[in-house]
Amino acid sequence: MSTQIAIASEECKKDGLCVKVCPVRIFTAAEGQLPSIHDAEHCVLCGQCLAVCPSNCITHSRLEQARLSRIEDRKPVEGSAMVEHLRQRRSVRVYKPVPVERELLERIASVAAYAPTSAHGGEGWVRSVTLVSGAADMSRVLEFTVQYMDELRRLLRSPMVRLVAKLKIEPRRARSMLHDMDMRLSEHGQGRDAVIYGAPAAAFVHTPETTPEPHADGDSALFSMMLAAHAFGLGTCWNGWIAKAADAFKVKRATGLRRMLQIPEHHTVVAAMTLGYPAVKLHSVPQREVAVHWPSASGS
């Protein structure tokens, strides 16, 4: 799709703000002059030019002025409150058997649109989130994931993979998950759910294979959704097993979950989470550490 960008010369204040904020330098101008536009087809659709222009004199064929949301509150969340929100978000693995409203799930998914992206206006610029809810469909998510894990476990225990793991880090890293798989599959065999934890809903983020940084894009989208869910009183758990099962990662014949979710053939499932109303209330935040390093000015 071609991109057309224009500036109404009689309305432009010639302040150069569009020049300053454009990340790909589509706008250029000498001080006090009307900006000129070059290579509009390389626009990354960030919308910064429209958002910063005080006179609304820029028209963009792929971004509508009417759909801009005006910023009324410059500081909707106090810094200390945001830090505490981040600290209190914990992984939830015990859910109430209460369905999550469809409208709420869609509102949480809509937050993914505002997460950082590397797609730069390409196909992956529109975030793809597949939602599943309801006991029947979540039961299918569980069973397909268990089938996938069982297939993957057989593969990782094969003589060939054991041999390659002595030489390469990726299969060695994968084999380190065998204990976790054994535990979860054993629990499932005894009628207990240690895979989706009885969650009433799940969300899957997938991107086109051509996206420059699919995992970075998917992770930022999912984490944004997790923070939004926490704000609405929901609990979430980042779930690598259902994400891998939905992508049929390394087990191409285990495509049951991928087919159920109707993931496009050219998409990669990069992240997923379970979500629902927490059944257990936490009374404290466990200690967590971060290693902070300031390199010396000399670089030594």
C-alpha atoms as a PDB file:
ATOM      1  CA  MET A   1       0.000   0.000   0.000  1.00  0.00           C
ATOM      2  CA  SER A   2       1.476   3.346  -1.052  1.00  0.00           C
ATOM      3  CA  THR A   3       1.747   6.084   1.536  1.00  0.00           C
ATOM      4  CA  GLN A   4       0.847   9.677   0.758  1.00  0.00           C
ATOM      5  CA  ILE A   5       1.851  12.469   3.155  1.00  0.00           C
ATOM      6  CA  ALA A   6       1.179  16.160   2.648  1.00  0.00           C
ATOM      7  CA  ILE A   7       1.499  19.425   4.580  1.00  0.00           C
ATOM      8  CA  ALA A   8      -0.962  22.319   4.264  1.00  0.00           C
ATOM      9  CA  SER A   9       1.538  25.120   3.680  1.00  0.00           C
ATOM     10  CA  GLU A  10      -0.797  27.936   4.696  1.00  0.00           C
ATOM     11  CA  GLU A  11      -1.473  26.297   8.094  1.00  0.00           C
ATOM     12  CA  CYS A  12       2.043  25.064   8.902  1.00  0.00           C
ATOM     13  CA  LYS A  13       3.766  27.004  11.694  1.00  0.00           C
ATOM     14  CA  LYS A  14       7.192  26.055  10.291  1.00  0.00           C
ATOM     15  CA  ASP A  15       8.349  25.036  13.767  1.00  0.00           C
ATOM     16  CA  GLY A  16      10.154  21.916  12.501  1.00  0.00           C
ATOM     17  CA  LEU A  17       8.585  19.620  15.107  1.00  0.00           C
ATOM     18  CA  CYS A  18       7.765  16.946  12.524  1.00  0.00           C
ATOM     19  CA  VAL A  19      11.381  17.012  11.403  1.00  0.00           C
ATOM     20  CA  LYS A  20      12.614  16.453  14.951  1.00  0.00           C
ATOM     21  CA  VAL A  21      10.362  13.491  15.804  1.00  0.00           C
ATOM     22  CA  CYS A  22      10.341  11.495  12.544  1.00  0.00           C
ATOM     23  CA  PRO A  23      12.490   8.377  13.184  1.00  0.00           C
ATOM     24  CA  VAL A  24      13.224   7.740   9.496  1.00  0.00           C
ATOM     25  CA  ARG A  25      13.802  11.377   8.450  1.00  0.00           C
ATOM     26  CA  ILE A  26      10.951  11.650   5.975  1.00  0.00           C
ATOM     27  CA  PHE A  27      10.576  15.331   6.872  1.00  0.00           C
ATOM     28  CA  THR A  28      13.445  17.753   6.261  1.00  0.00           C
ATOM     29  CA  ALA A  29      13.549  21.541   6.554  1.00  0.00           C
ATOM     30  CA  ALA A  30      15.848  24.446   7.213  1.00  0.00           C
ATOM     31  CA  GLU A  31      14.953  26.491  10.285  1.00  0.00           C
ATOM     32  CA  GLY A  32      11.784  28.533   9.707  1.00  0.00           C
ATOM     33  CA  GLN A  33      11.051  26.873   6.377  1.00  0.00           C
ATOM     34  CA  LEU A  34       8.176  24.665   5.239  1.00  0.00           C
ATOM     35  CA  PRO A  35       9.229  21.007   5.634  1.00  0.00           C
ATOM     36  CA  SER A  36       9.622  18.900   2.519  1.00  0.00           C
ATOM     37  CA  ILE A  37       8.696  15.213   2.370  1.00  0.00           C
ATOM     38  CA  HIS A  38      10.913  12.474   0.931  1.00  0.00           C
ATOM     39  CA  ASP A  39      10.513   8.685   0.627  1.00  0.00           C
ATOM     40  CA  ALA A  40       7.043   8.552   2.177  1.00  0.00           C
ATOM     41  CA  GLU A  41       6.888   4.852   1.318  1.00  0.00           C
ATOM     42  CA  HIS A  42       9.396   4.241   4.126  1.00  0.00           C
ATOM     43  CA  CYS A  43       7.076   5.701   6.786  1.00  0.00           C
ATOM     44  CA  VAL A  44       6.938   3.370   9.818  1.00  0.00           C
ATOM     45  CA  LEU A  45       3.440   4.521  10.823  1.00  0.00           C
ATOM     46  CA  CYS A  46       4.505   5.688  14.276  1.00  0.00           C
ATOM     47  CA  GLY A  47       2.195   8.698  13.964  1.00  0.00           C
ATOM     48  CA  GLN A  48       4.594  11.014  15.797  1.00  0.00           C
ATOM     49  CA  CYS A  49       4.330  13.698  13.130  1.00  0.00           C
ATOM     50  CA  LEU A  50       0.548  13.888  13.513  1.00  0.00           C
ATOM     51  CA  ALA A  51       0.722  13.731  17.289  1.00  0.00           C
ATOM     52  CA  VAL A  52       3.249  16.575  17.624  1.00  0.00           C
ATOM     53  CA  CYS A  53       1.853  19.021  15.026  1.00  0.00           C
ATOM     54  CA  PRO A  54       0.018  21.862  16.874  1.00  0.00           C
ATOM     55  CA  SER A  55      -1.882  23.024  13.776  1.00  0.00           C
ATOM     56  CA  ASN A  56      -2.995  19.581  12.490  1.00  0.00           C
ATOM     57  CA  CYS A  57      -1.700  20.533   9.057  1.00  0.00           C
ATOM     58  CA  ILE A  58      -0.320  17.097   8.129  1.00  0.00           C
ATOM     59  CA  THR A  59      -2.446  14.601   6.230  1.00  0.00           C
ATOM     60  CA  HIS A  60      -1.432  10.944   6.044  1.00  0.00           C
ATOM     61  CA  SER A  61      -3.116   8.398   3.779  1.00  0.00           C
ATOM     62  CA  ARG A  62      -2.647   5.557   6.265  1.00  0.00           C
ATOM     63  CA  LEU A  63      -3.174   7.409   9.556  1.00  0.00           C
ATOM     64  CA  GLU A  64      -6.364   9.335  10.217  1.00  0.00           C
ATOM     65  CA  GLN A  65      -6.413  12.575  12.199  1.00  0.00           C
ATOM     66  CA  ALA A  66      -9.896  11.684  13.424  1.00  0.00           C
ATOM     67  CA  ARG A  67      -8.546   8.555  15.142  1.00  0.00           C
ATOM     68  CA  LEU A  68      -5.940  10.363  17.223  1.00  0.00           C
ATOM     69  CA  SER A  69      -6.717  10.145  20.940  1.00  0.00           C
ATOM     70  CA  ARG A  70      -6.078  13.469  22.633  1.00  0.00           C
ATOM     71  CA  ILE A  71      -3.803  13.365  25.687  1.00  0.00           C
ATOM     72  CA  GLU A  72      -5.724  15.080  28.481  1.00  0.00           C
ATOM     73  CA  ASP A  73      -3.703  13.879  31.472  1.00  0.00           C
ATOM     74  CA  ARG A  74       0.052  14.208  31.007  1.00  0.00           C
ATOM     75  CA  LYS A  75       0.724  11.985  34.005  1.00  0.00           C
ATOM     76  CA  PRO A  76      -2.127   9.467  34.378  1.00  0.00           C
ATOM     77  CA  VAL A  77      -0.094   7.291  36.785  1.00  0.00           C
ATOM     78  CA  GLU A  78       2.287   8.585  39.428  1.00  0.00           C
ATOM     79  CA  GLY A  79       5.781   7.141  39.169  1.00  0.00           C
ATOM     80  CA  SER A  80       5.709   5.501  42.586  1.00  0.00           C
ATOM     81  CA  ALA A  81       2.300   3.959  41.856  1.00  0.00           C
ATOM     82  CA  MET A  82       3.564   2.528  38.567  1.00  0.00           C
ATOM     83  CA  VAL A  83       6.619   1.019  40.238  1.00  0.00           C
ATOM     84  CA  GLU A  84       4.395  -0.580  42.873  1.00  0.00           C
ATOM     85  CA  HIS A  85       2.073  -1.898  40.146  1.00  0.00           C
ATOM     86  CA  LEU A  86       5.050  -3.572  38.492  1.00  0.00           C
ATOM     87  CA  ARG A  87       6.276  -5.032  41.791  1.00  0.00           C
ATOM     88  CA  GLN A  88       2.916  -6.481  42.739  1.00  0.00           C
ATOM     89  CA  ARG A  89       2.325  -8.210  39.421  1.00  0.00           C
ATOM     90  CA  ARG A  90       3.076 -11.852  40.141  1.00  0.00           C
ATOM     91  CA  SER A  91       2.518 -15.032  38.141  1.00  0.00           C
ATOM     92  CA  VAL A  92      -0.825 -16.621  39.052  1.00  0.00           C
ATOM     93  CA  ARG A  93      -1.245 -20.393  38.902  1.00  0.00           C
ATOM     94  CA  VAL A  94      -4.426 -20.783  40.948  1.00  0.00           C
ATOM     95  CA  TYR A  95      -7.561 -19.391  39.318  1.00  0.00           C
ATOM     96  CA  LYS A  96     -11.186 -19.082  40.324  1.00  0.00           C
ATOM     97  CA  PRO A  97     -13.539 -21.145  38.121  1.00  0.00           C
ATOM     98  CA  VAL A  98     -15.090 -17.895  36.928  1.00  0.00           C
ATOM     99  CA  PRO A  99     -15.181 -16.899  33.248  1.00  0.00           C
ATOM    100  CA  VAL A 100     -13.547 -13.638  32.164  1.00  0.00           C
ATOM    101  CA  GLU A 101     -15.861 -11.302  30.290  1.00  0.00           C
ATOM    102  CA  ARG A 102     -15.259 -11.269  26.535  1.00  0.00           C
ATOM    103  CA  GLU A 103     -15.264  -7.449  26.462  1.00  0.00           C
ATOM    104  CA  LEU A 104     -12.585  -7.337  29.161  1.00  0.00           C
ATOM    105  CA  LEU A 105     -10.386  -9.821  27.286  1.00  0.00           C
ATOM    106  CA  GLU A 106     -10.677  -7.753  24.123  1.00  0.00           C
ATOM    107  CA  ARG A 107      -9.877  -4.549  26.026  1.00  0.00           C
ATOM    108  CA  ILE A 108      -6.740  -6.144  27.449  1.00  0.00           C
ATOM    109  CA  ALA A 109      -5.730  -7.442  24.007  1.00  0.00           C
ATOM    110  CA  SER A 110      -6.126  -3.942  22.538  1.00  0.00           C
ATOM    111  CA  VAL A 111      -3.251  -2.746  24.738  1.00  0.00           C
ATOM    112  CA  ALA A 112      -0.855  -4.833  22.612  1.00  0.00           C
ATOM    113  CA  ALA A 113      -1.221  -2.224  19.868  1.00  0.00           C
ATOM    114  CA  TYR A 114       0.718   0.288  21.994  1.00  0.00           C
ATOM    115  CA  ALA A 115       3.661  -1.952  22.905  1.00  0.00           C
ATOM    116  CA  PRO A 116       7.060  -1.264  21.288  1.00  0.00           C
ATOM    117  CA  THR A 117       7.476  -2.912  17.882  1.00  0.00           C
ATOM    118  CA  SER A 118      10.224  -3.494  15.345  1.00  0.00           C
ATOM    119  CA  ALA A 119       7.780  -4.099  12.502  1.00  0.00           C
ATOM    120  CA  HIS A 120       8.218  -0.517  11.211  1.00  0.00           C
ATOM    121  CA  GLY A 121       4.938  -0.239   9.361  1.00  0.00           C
ATOM    122  CA  GLY A 122       5.175  -3.665   7.785  1.00  0.00           C
ATOM    123  CA  GLU A 123       2.783  -6.584   8.119  1.00  0.00           C
ATOM    124  CA  GLY A 124       3.684  -7.195  11.759  1.00  0.00           C
ATOM    125  CA  TRP A 125       2.814  -3.609  12.656  1.00  0.00           C
ATOM    126  CA  VAL A 126      -0.765  -4.773  13.301  1.00  0.00           C
ATOM    127  CA  ARG A 127      -0.435  -6.965  16.385  1.00  0.00           C
ATOM    128  CA  SER A 128      -2.025 -10.419  16.198  1.00  0.00           C
ATOM    129  CA  VAL A 129      -3.571 -11.780  19.397  1.00  0.00           C
ATOM    130  CA  THR A 130      -5.698 -14.925  19.497  1.00  0.00           C
ATOM    131  CA  LEU A 131      -7.947 -15.294  22.542  1.00  0.00           C
ATOM    132  CA  VAL A 132      -9.428 -18.492  23.969  1.00  0.00           C
ATOM    133  CA  SER A 133     -11.952 -18.671  26.802  1.00  0.00           C
ATOM    134  CA  GLY A 134     -14.459 -21.090  28.249  1.00  0.00           C
ATOM    135  CA  ALA A 135     -13.992 -24.478  29.884  1.00  0.00           C
ATOM    136  CA  ALA A 136     -14.503 -26.517  26.716  1.00  0.00           C
ATOM    137  CA  ASP A 137     -11.967 -24.641  24.571  1.00  0.00           C
ATOM    138  CA  MET A 138      -9.445 -24.340  27.395  1.00  0.00           C
ATOM    139  CA  SER A 139      -9.711 -28.091  27.906  1.00  0.00           C
ATOM    140  CA  ARG A 140      -8.755 -28.527  24.250  1.00  0.00           C
ATOM    141  CA  VAL A 141      -5.798 -26.157  24.749  1.00  0.00           C
ATOM    142  CA  LEU A 142      -4.673 -28.363  27.645  1.00  0.00           C
ATOM    143  CA  GLU A 143      -5.004 -31.639  25.770  1.00  0.00           C
ATOM    144  CA  PHE A 144      -3.266 -30.403  22.631  1.00  0.00           C
ATOM    145  CA  THR A 145      -0.431 -28.981  24.746  1.00  0.00           C
ATOM    146  CA  VAL A 146      -0.020 -32.260  26.621  1.00  0.00           C
ATOM    147  CA  GLN A 147       0.140 -34.129  23.299  1.00  0.00           C
ATOM    148  CA  TYR A 148       2.791 -31.719  22.067  1.00  0.00           C
ATOM    149  CA  MET A 149       4.855 -32.036  25.263  1.00  0.00           C
ATOM    150  CA  ASP A 150       4.727 -35.820  25.066  1.00  0.00           C
ATOM    151  CA  GLU A 151       5.974 -35.739  21.458  1.00  0.00           C
ATOM    152  CA  LEU A 152       8.718 -33.262  22.354  1.00  0.00           C
ATOM    153  CA  ARG A 153       9.834 -35.386  25.294  1.00  0.00           C
ATOM    154  CA  ARG A 154      10.262 -38.411  23.042  1.00  0.00           C
ATOM    155  CA  LEU A 155      12.289 -36.331  20.602  1.00  0.00           C
ATOM    156  CA  LEU A 156      14.584 -34.920  23.301  1.00  0.00           C
ATOM    157  CA  ARG A 157      15.253 -38.411  24.677  1.00  0.00           C
ATOM    158  CA  SER A 158      16.168 -39.831  21.273  1.00  0.00           C
ATOM    159  CA  PRO A 159      19.776 -41.039  20.811  1.00  0.00           C
ATOM    160  CA  MET A 160      20.383 -38.497  18.050  1.00  0.00           C
ATOM    161  CA  VAL A 161      19.397 -35.501  20.173  1.00  0.00           C
ATOM    162  CA  ARG A 162      21.407 -36.803  23.130  1.00  0.00           C
ATOM    163  CA  LEU A 163      24.454 -37.034  20.888  1.00  0.00           C
ATOM    164  CA  VAL A 164      23.997 -33.578  19.329  1.00  0.00           C
ATOM    165  CA  ALA A 165      23.426 -32.066  22.792  1.00  0.00           C
ATOM    166  CA  LYS A 166      27.041 -32.899  23.673  1.00  0.00           C
ATOM    167  CA  LEU A 167      28.193 -30.570  20.920  1.00  0.00           C
ATOM    168  CA  LYS A 168      25.553 -27.822  20.656  1.00  0.00           C
ATOM    169  CA  ILE A 169      23.959 -25.546  23.231  1.00  0.00           C
ATOM    170  CA  GLU A 170      20.410 -25.419  21.811  1.00  0.00           C
ATOM    171  CA  PRO A 171      19.565 -29.136  22.188  1.00  0.00           C
ATOM    172  CA  ARG A 172      21.413 -29.164  25.516  1.00  0.00           C
ATOM    173  CA  ARG A 173      19.248 -26.266  26.688  1.00  0.00           C
ATOM    174  CA  ALA A 174      16.139 -28.041  25.431  1.00  0.00           C
ATOM    175  CA  ARG A 175      17.028 -31.248  27.255  1.00  0.00           C
ATOM    176  CA  SER A 176      17.301 -29.268  30.479  1.00  0.00           C
ATOM    177  CA  MET A 177      13.496 -28.942  30.307  1.00  0.00           C
ATOM    178  CA  LEU A 178      12.947 -32.697  30.541  1.00  0.00           C
ATOM    179  CA  HIS A 179      12.550 -32.688  34.320  1.00  0.00           C
ATOM    180  CA  ASP A 180       9.910 -29.966  34.073  1.00  0.00           C
ATOM    181  CA  MET A 181       8.072 -31.867  31.322  1.00  0.00           C
ATOM    182  CA  ASP A 182       8.169 -35.091  33.338  1.00  0.00           C
ATOM    183  CA  MET A 183       6.646 -33.340  36.338  1.00  0.00           C
ATOM    184  CA  ARG A 184       3.843 -31.687  34.372  1.00  0.00           C
ATOM    185  CA  LEU A 185       2.969 -34.766  32.345  1.00  0.00           C
ATOM    186  CA  SER A 186       3.001 -36.891  35.489  1.00  0.00           C
ATOM    187  CA  GLU A 187       0.633 -34.450  37.181  1.00  0.00           C
ATOM    188  CA  HIS A 188      -1.646 -34.581  34.151  1.00  0.00           C
ATOM    189  CA  GLY A 189      -1.646 -38.377  34.239  1.00  0.00           C
ATOM    190  CA  GLN A 190      -2.855 -38.192  37.849  1.00  0.00           C
ATOM    191  CA  GLY A 191      -5.690 -35.838  36.973  1.00  0.00           C
ATOM    192  CA  ARG A 192      -4.028 -32.605  38.090  1.00  0.00           C
ATOM    193  CA  ASP A 193      -3.390 -29.616  35.839  1.00  0.00           C
ATOM    194  CA  ALA A 194       0.130 -28.230  36.022  1.00  0.00           C
ATOM    195  CA  VAL A 195       0.055 -26.918  32.448  1.00  0.00           C
ATOM    196  CA  ILE A 196      -2.682 -24.275  32.257  1.00  0.00           C
ATOM    197  CA  TYR A 197      -3.631 -24.458  35.968  1.00  0.00           C
ATOM    198  CA  GLY A 198      -7.348 -24.544  35.258  1.00  0.00           C
ATOM    199  CA  ALA A 199      -7.247 -21.034  33.811  1.00  0.00           C
ATOM    200  CA  PRO A 200     -10.508 -19.842  32.247  1.00  0.00           C
ATOM    201  CA  ALA A 201      -8.777 -17.998  29.383  1.00  0.00           C
ATOM    202  CA  ALA A 202      -5.559 -17.730  27.387  1.00  0.00           C
ATOM    203  CA  ALA A 203      -3.986 -15.286  24.953  1.00  0.00           C
ATOM    204  CA  PHE A 204      -1.533 -16.104  22.158  1.00  0.00           C
ATOM    205  CA  VAL A 205       0.618 -13.494  20.388  1.00  0.00           C
ATOM    206  CA  HIS A 206       1.811 -14.354  16.873  1.00  0.00           C
ATOM    207  CA  THR A 207       3.702 -12.432  14.212  1.00  0.00           C
ATOM    208  CA  PRO A 208       4.571 -12.852  10.531  1.00  0.00           C
ATOM    209  CA  GLU A 209       7.767 -14.832   9.971  1.00  0.00           C
ATOM    210  CA  THR A 210       9.197 -11.830   8.116  1.00  0.00           C
ATOM    211  CA  THR A 211       8.954  -9.565  11.182  1.00  0.00           C
ATOM    212  CA  PRO A 212      12.485  -8.274  11.989  1.00  0.00           C
ATOM    213  CA  GLU A 213      12.322  -9.087  15.723  1.00  0.00           C
ATOM    214  CA  PRO A 214       9.378 -11.455  16.277  1.00  0.00           C
ATOM    215  CA  HIS A 215      10.191 -12.444  19.846  1.00  0.00           C
ATOM    216  CA  ALA A 216      10.902  -8.888  20.983  1.00  0.00           C
ATOM    217  CA  ASP A 217       7.636  -7.733  19.401  1.00  0.00           C
ATOM    218  CA  GLY A 218       5.626 -10.589  20.894  1.00  0.00           C
ATOM    219  CA  ASP A 219       7.162 -10.307  24.352  1.00  0.00           C
ATOM    220  CA  SER A 220       6.549  -6.564  24.582  1.00  0.00           C
ATOM    221  CA  ALA A 221       2.946  -7.053  23.447  1.00  0.00           C
ATOM    222  CA  LEU A 222       2.289  -9.845  25.932  1.00  0.00           C
ATOM    223  CA  PHE A 223       3.864  -8.035  28.876  1.00  0.00           C
ATOM    224  CA  SER A 224       1.820  -4.918  28.137  1.00  0.00           C
ATOM    225  CA  MET A 225      -1.287  -7.089  28.205  1.00  0.00           C
ATOM    226  CA  MET A 226      -0.194  -8.669  31.494  1.00  0.00           C
ATOM    227  CA  LEU A 227       0.155  -5.264  33.134  1.00  0.00           C
ATOM    228  CA  ALA A 228      -3.273  -4.234  31.858  1.00  0.00           C
ATOM    229  CA  ALA A 229      -4.811  -7.482  33.118  1.00  0.00           C
ATOM    230  CA  HIS A 230      -3.271  -6.901  36.552  1.00  0.00           C
ATOM    231  CA  ALA A 231      -4.789  -3.397  36.623  1.00  0.00           C
ATOM    232  CA  PHE A 232      -8.235  -4.918  35.982  1.00  0.00           C
ATOM    233  CA  GLY A 233      -7.880  -7.395  38.840  1.00  0.00           C
ATOM    234  CA  LEU A 234      -6.905 -10.409  36.752  1.00  0.00           C
ATOM    235  CA  GLY A 235      -4.006 -12.741  37.306  1.00  0.00           C
ATOM    236  CA  THR A 236      -1.756 -13.959  34.509  1.00  0.00           C
ATOM    237  CA  CYS A 237       1.021 -16.453  33.920  1.00  0.00           C
ATOM    238  CA  TRP A 238       3.477 -16.323  31.036  1.00  0.00           C
ATOM    239  CA  ASN A 239       3.163 -19.834  29.613  1.00  0.00           C
ATOM    240  CA  GLY A 240       5.930 -21.097  27.373  1.00  0.00           C
ATOM    241  CA  TRP A 241       4.413 -24.552  26.951  1.00  0.00           C
ATOM    242  CA  ILE A 242       1.171 -23.435  25.346  1.00  0.00           C
ATOM    243  CA  ALA A 243       3.124 -20.997  23.159  1.00  0.00           C
ATOM    244  CA  LYS A 244       5.437 -23.761  21.938  1.00  0.00           C
ATOM    245  CA  ALA A 245       2.512 -26.126  21.401  1.00  0.00           C
ATOM    246  CA  ALA A 246       0.625 -23.470  19.414  1.00  0.00           C
ATOM    247  CA  ASP A 247       3.672 -23.028  17.184  1.00  0.00           C
ATOM    248  CA  ALA A 248       4.400 -26.772  16.977  1.00  0.00           C
ATOM    249  CA  PHE A 249       7.960 -25.744  17.911  1.00  0.00           C
ATOM    250  CA  LYS A 250      10.436 -28.456  16.829  1.00  0.00           C
ATOM    251  CA  VAL A 251       7.593 -30.991  16.544  1.00  0.00           C
ATOM    252  CA  LYS A 252       6.008 -30.171  13.218  1.00  0.00           C
ATOM    253  CA  ARG A 253       3.476 -32.989  13.309  1.00  0.00           C
ATOM    254  CA  ALA A 254       1.978 -31.814  16.627  1.00  0.00           C
ATOM    255  CA  THR A 255      -0.188 -29.176  14.972  1.00  0.00           C
ATOM    256  CA  GLY A 256      -3.465 -29.753  16.813  1.00  0.00           C
ATOM    257  CA  LEU A 257      -3.365 -26.563  18.869  1.00  0.00           C
ATOM    258  CA  ARG A 258      -2.122 -24.476  15.972  1.00  0.00           C
ATOM    259  CA  ARG A 259      -5.043 -25.661  13.845  1.00  0.00           C
ATOM    260  CA  MET A 260      -7.511 -25.048  16.655  1.00  0.00           C
ATOM    261  CA  LEU A 261      -6.281 -21.464  17.041  1.00  0.00           C
ATOM    262  CA  GLN A 262      -6.347 -20.930  13.256  1.00  0.00           C
ATOM    263  CA  ILE A 263      -2.863 -19.407  13.263  1.00  0.00           C
ATOM    264  CA  PRO A 264      -1.949 -18.221   9.742  1.00  0.00           C
ATOM    265  CA  GLU A 265       0.607 -20.482   8.037  1.00  0.00           C
ATOM    266  CA  HIS A 266       3.179 -17.698   7.709  1.00  0.00           C
ATOM    267  CA  HIS A 267       2.912 -16.657  11.382  1.00  0.00           C
ATOM    268  CA  THR A 268       5.095 -17.669  14.319  1.00  0.00           C
ATOM    269  CA  VAL A 269       3.546 -17.958  17.796  1.00  0.00           C
ATOM    270  CA  VAL A 270       6.051 -16.183  20.019  1.00  0.00           C
ATOM    271  CA  ALA A 271       4.349 -15.728  23.401  1.00  0.00           C
ATOM    272  CA  ALA A 272       1.274 -16.796  25.351  1.00  0.00           C
ATOM    273  CA  MET A 273      -0.295 -16.492  28.772  1.00  0.00           C
ATOM    274  CA  THR A 274      -3.112 -17.895  30.833  1.00  0.00           C
ATOM    275  CA  LEU A 275      -5.347 -15.450  32.662  1.00  0.00           C
ATOM    276  CA  GLY A 276      -8.289 -15.330  35.027  1.00  0.00           C
ATOM    277  CA  TYR A 277      -9.376 -14.153  38.443  1.00  0.00           C
ATOM    278  CA  PRO A 278      -6.864 -15.209  41.144  1.00  0.00           C
ATOM    279  CA  ALA A 279      -8.130 -17.730  43.690  1.00  0.00           C
ATOM    280  CA  VAL A 280      -5.370 -17.008  46.204  1.00  0.00           C
ATOM    281  CA  LYS A 281      -4.443 -13.603  47.627  1.00  0.00           C
ATOM    282  CA  LEU A 282      -0.767 -12.771  48.101  1.00  0.00           C
ATOM    283  CA  HIS A 283       0.140 -10.730  51.176  1.00  0.00           C
ATOM    284  CA  SER A 284       3.706  -9.794  50.293  1.00  0.00           C
ATOM    285  CA  VAL A 285       6.106  -9.336  47.383  1.00  0.00           C
ATOM    286  CA  PRO A 286       9.071 -11.753  47.347  1.00  0.00           C
ATOM    287  CA  GLN A 287      12.515 -10.193  47.155  1.00  0.00           C
ATOM    288  CA  ARG A 288      13.983  -9.876  43.691  1.00  0.00           C
ATOM    289  CA  GLU A 289      17.447  -8.689  42.721  1.00  0.00           C
ATOM    290  CA  VAL A 290      18.837  -6.832  39.730  1.00  0.00           C
ATOM    291  CA  ALA A 291      22.520  -6.437  38.906  1.00  0.00           C
ATOM    292  CA  VAL A 292      23.167  -2.797  37.992  1.00  0.00           C
ATOM    293  CA  HIS A 293      26.492  -1.821  36.493  1.00  0.00           C
ATOM    294  CA  TRP A 294      27.867   1.627  35.609  1.00  0.00           C
ATOM    295  CA  PRO A 295      30.897   1.331  33.318  1.00  0.00           C
ATOM    296  CA  SER A 296      33.690   3.711  34.129  1.00  0.00           C
ATOM    297  CA  ALA A 297      34.189   6.741  31.877  1.00  0.00           C
ATOM    298  CA  SER A 298      37.530   5.365  30.708  1.00  0.00           C
ATOM    299  CA  GLY A 299      35.927   2.066  29.679  1.00  0.00           C
ATOM    300  CA  SER A 300      38.337   0.084  31.872  1.00  0.00           C
END
